[in-house]
N, C-alpha and C. Protein backbone atom coordinates (compact mmCIF):
# COMPACT_ATOMS: atom_id res chain seq x y z
N UNK A 1 -22.64 -1.47 8.04
CA UNK A 1 -21.81 -0.18 7.77
C UNK A 1 -20.97 -0.13 9.09
N UNK A 2 -20.01 0.61 8.87
CA UNK A 2 -18.99 0.89 9.91
C UNK A 2 -19.31 2.06 10.81
N UNK A 3 -18.62 2.17 11.90
CA UNK A 3 -19.23 3.44 12.99
C UNK A 3 -19.09 4.47 12.33
N UNK A 4 -18.08 4.93 11.63
CA UNK A 4 -17.80 6.26 10.96
C UNK A 4 -18.95 6.52 10.06
N UNK A 5 -19.22 5.46 9.15
CA UNK A 5 -20.36 5.88 8.12
C UNK A 5 -21.65 6.07 8.73
N UNK A 6 -21.96 5.37 9.87
CA UNK A 6 -23.23 5.33 10.67
C UNK A 6 -23.21 6.81 11.23
N UNK A 7 -21.96 7.37 11.67
CA UNK A 7 -21.79 8.74 12.12
C UNK A 7 -22.44 9.77 11.35
N UNK A 8 -21.87 9.66 10.09
CA UNK A 8 -21.57 10.61 8.95
C UNK A 8 -23.44 10.53 8.76
N UNK A 9 -23.99 9.47 8.25
CA UNK A 9 -25.27 9.50 8.16
C UNK A 9 -26.10 9.96 9.25
N UNK A 10 -25.88 9.67 10.46
CA UNK A 10 -26.68 10.00 11.44
C UNK A 10 -26.45 11.36 12.01
N UNK A 11 -25.45 12.23 11.37
CA UNK A 11 -25.16 13.49 11.74
C UNK A 11 -24.69 13.63 13.07
N UNK A 12 -23.70 12.55 13.39
CA UNK A 12 -23.08 12.67 14.79
C UNK A 12 -22.14 13.61 14.73
N UNK A 13 -21.63 14.07 15.77
CA UNK A 13 -20.41 15.16 15.78
C UNK A 13 -19.20 14.81 15.70
N UNK A 14 -18.88 13.38 16.45
CA UNK A 14 -17.61 12.86 16.34
C UNK A 14 -17.22 12.51 14.88
N UNK A 15 -17.91 11.97 14.05
CA UNK A 15 -17.51 11.75 12.55
C UNK A 15 -17.40 12.69 11.88
N UNK A 16 -18.38 13.69 11.80
CA UNK A 16 -17.95 15.06 11.37
C UNK A 16 -16.93 15.83 11.46
N UNK A 17 -16.71 15.80 12.56
CA UNK A 17 -15.52 16.52 13.12
C UNK A 17 -14.19 15.95 12.82
N UNK A 18 -14.17 14.63 12.71
CA UNK A 18 -13.02 13.89 12.00
C UNK A 18 -12.64 14.22 10.63
N UNK A 19 -14.11 14.51 10.10
CA UNK A 19 -13.92 14.79 8.67
C UNK A 19 -13.27 16.05 8.24
N UNK A 20 -13.89 17.07 9.33
CA UNK A 20 -13.50 18.27 9.08
C UNK A 20 -12.20 18.52 9.46
N UNK A 21 -11.63 17.88 10.50
CA UNK A 21 -10.08 17.65 10.74
C UNK A 21 -9.36 17.52 9.43
N UNK A 22 -9.91 16.40 8.97
CA UNK A 22 -8.90 16.00 7.69
C UNK A 22 -8.95 16.95 6.36
N UNK A 23 -10.12 17.52 6.45
CA UNK A 23 -9.99 18.60 5.46
C UNK A 23 -9.05 19.81 5.70
N UNK A 24 -9.02 20.08 7.09
CA UNK A 24 -8.21 21.28 7.52
C UNK A 24 -6.77 20.78 7.15
N UNK A 25 -6.47 19.57 7.47
CA UNK A 25 -5.15 18.87 7.45
C UNK A 25 -4.68 18.93 5.91
N UNK A 26 -5.76 18.45 5.16
CA UNK A 26 -5.23 18.43 3.53
C UNK A 26 -5.05 19.79 3.04
N UNK A 27 -5.93 20.81 3.61
CA UNK A 27 -5.63 22.20 3.32
C UNK A 27 -4.23 22.83 3.55
N UNK A 28 -3.76 22.46 4.84
CA UNK A 28 -2.39 22.91 5.43
C UNK A 28 -1.25 22.12 4.51
N UNK A 29 -1.57 20.78 4.14
CA UNK A 29 -0.48 20.14 3.46
C UNK A 29 -0.43 20.90 1.98
N UNK A 30 -1.67 21.19 1.34
CA UNK A 30 -1.78 21.78 0.12
C UNK A 30 -1.05 23.25 0.11
N UNK A 31 -0.82 23.80 1.26
CA UNK A 31 -0.25 24.94 1.33
C UNK A 31 1.11 24.66 1.50
N UNK A 32 1.79 23.84 2.14
CA UNK A 32 3.04 23.68 2.13
C UNK A 32 3.85 22.99 1.41
N UNK A 33 3.31 22.31 0.33
CA UNK A 33 4.01 21.46 -0.61
C UNK A 33 4.49 22.48 -1.67
N UNK A 34 5.52 22.17 -2.41
CA UNK A 34 6.20 23.18 -3.33
C UNK A 34 6.06 22.76 -4.81
N UNK A 35 5.26 21.68 -4.95
CA UNK A 35 5.35 21.11 -6.59
C UNK A 35 4.05 21.37 -7.26
N UNK A 36 2.77 21.48 -6.72
CA UNK A 36 1.82 21.62 -7.74
C UNK A 36 0.96 22.96 -7.24
N UNK A 37 0.98 23.79 -8.32
CA UNK A 37 0.54 25.28 -8.35
C UNK A 37 -0.95 25.30 -7.98
N UNK A 38 -1.89 24.43 -8.70
CA UNK A 38 -2.99 24.28 -8.43
C UNK A 38 -3.39 24.01 -6.77
N UNK A 39 -2.78 23.05 -6.46
CA UNK A 39 -3.10 22.56 -4.99
C UNK A 39 -2.65 23.80 -4.04
N UNK A 40 -1.59 24.56 -4.05
CA UNK A 40 -1.19 25.69 -3.42
C UNK A 40 -2.19 26.88 -3.53
N UNK A 41 -2.80 26.94 -4.71
CA UNK A 41 -3.93 27.78 -5.13
C UNK A 41 -5.32 27.84 -4.46
N UNK A 42 -5.56 26.50 -4.25
CA UNK A 42 -6.71 26.32 -3.43
C UNK A 42 -6.67 25.71 -1.90
N UNK A 43 -5.41 25.94 -1.41
CA UNK A 43 -5.14 25.47 -0.24
C UNK A 43 -6.06 26.38 1.04
N UNK A 44 -6.00 27.71 0.65
CA UNK A 44 -6.75 28.50 1.42
C UNK A 44 -8.25 28.36 1.63
N UNK A 45 -8.63 28.11 0.33
CA UNK A 45 -10.31 27.63 0.34
C UNK A 45 -10.42 26.50 1.13
N UNK A 46 -9.60 25.49 0.88
CA UNK A 46 -9.73 24.11 1.36
C UNK A 46 -9.66 24.20 3.03
N UNK A 47 -8.63 25.06 3.45
CA UNK A 47 -8.76 25.30 4.94
C UNK A 47 -9.61 25.79 5.43
N UNK A 48 -10.01 27.04 4.82
CA UNK A 48 -11.43 27.58 5.05
C UNK A 48 -12.62 26.80 5.06
N UNK A 49 -12.84 26.06 4.21
CA UNK A 49 -14.12 25.18 4.19
C UNK A 49 -14.09 24.28 5.27
N UNK A 50 -12.85 23.90 5.66
CA UNK A 50 -12.76 22.76 7.00
C UNK A 50 -12.95 23.46 8.21
N UNK A 51 -12.65 24.73 8.28
CA UNK A 51 -12.80 25.31 9.49
C UNK A 51 -14.13 25.77 9.68
N UNK A 52 -14.75 26.09 8.57
CA UNK A 52 -16.35 26.69 8.81
C UNK A 52 -16.94 25.22 8.99
N UNK A 53 -16.69 24.34 8.39
CA UNK A 53 -17.42 23.11 8.66
C UNK A 53 -17.15 22.53 10.00
N UNK A 54 -16.09 22.50 10.66
CA UNK A 54 -15.64 22.26 12.00
C UNK A 54 -16.70 22.92 13.01
N UNK A 55 -16.56 24.28 12.64
CA UNK A 55 -17.53 25.10 13.53
C UNK A 55 -19.01 24.66 13.40
N UNK A 56 -19.53 24.43 12.19
CA UNK A 56 -21.04 24.12 12.01
C UNK A 56 -21.11 22.96 12.90
N UNK A 57 -20.19 21.71 12.60
CA UNK A 57 -20.44 20.46 13.05
C UNK A 57 -20.23 20.46 14.74
N UNK A 58 -19.52 21.26 15.24
CA UNK A 58 -19.37 21.26 16.60
C UNK A 58 -20.78 21.53 17.32
N UNK A 59 -21.68 21.83 16.60
CA UNK A 59 -23.23 22.09 17.09
C UNK A 59 -23.99 20.82 17.03
N UNK A 60 -23.57 19.80 16.43
CA UNK A 60 -24.32 18.58 16.23
C UNK A 60 -24.44 17.63 17.70
N UNK A 61 -25.35 17.03 17.61
CA UNK A 61 -25.40 15.93 18.76
C UNK A 61 -24.25 15.34 19.20
N UNK A 62 -24.04 14.69 19.99
CA UNK A 62 -22.93 13.69 20.41
C UNK A 62 -23.57 12.25 20.02
């Protein structure tokens, strides 16, 4: 198992924060792209989920 997957399974902060950051970045990308309407529609929800997830996982142990 890789270090990232061990961090996810072991509820380590670093891996979960990285995943939350990727979700936030995905939401921002979905917001800025001009081609796919469903991606634009769900961009705010995706960014919000990533932000709430980041706030929660910032309380995990290192």
